[in-house]
C-alpha cells in the first residue's frame, strides 16, 4: 500500500489523511487550498526579507538589517502565510517577494 512507506510510515499516512481532510473541508467552504513551499521560511526576516541569524537553542531569530527579534516559529509562520500569495511569474525569487512586505 503506497500510503504506508517504510520511512516514517505513520507520519506519511497521517499527513496524507490531513491533506485529504483539508482538501475536503476547503471544497465544502468554497475556499481554494494552496500548498506552499515551507522550507527555509524561518531563515528570512518577515519584516524586511533579509536573512536572519538564530540563537544557539534555535528558538530565537534576529535580523541585523531591521533589528527584528522574535521566535523562529512565529517568523516562519508569517512567511508561510505570505507564500500563499506568491506567484513565480511575478517575482524573480522568494527574497524579492518577501522584501516587498517591508514595514
Foldseek 3Di string as FASTA:
>chain_A
DVCQDPPPRVVSVVVVVVVVVVVVVCVVVVHDDDDFDLPPLLQAALAALHGWDADPVRQWTADPPPGDIDGSVVSSVSSRVQRSVDDCVVDVDSSVVSRVNHD
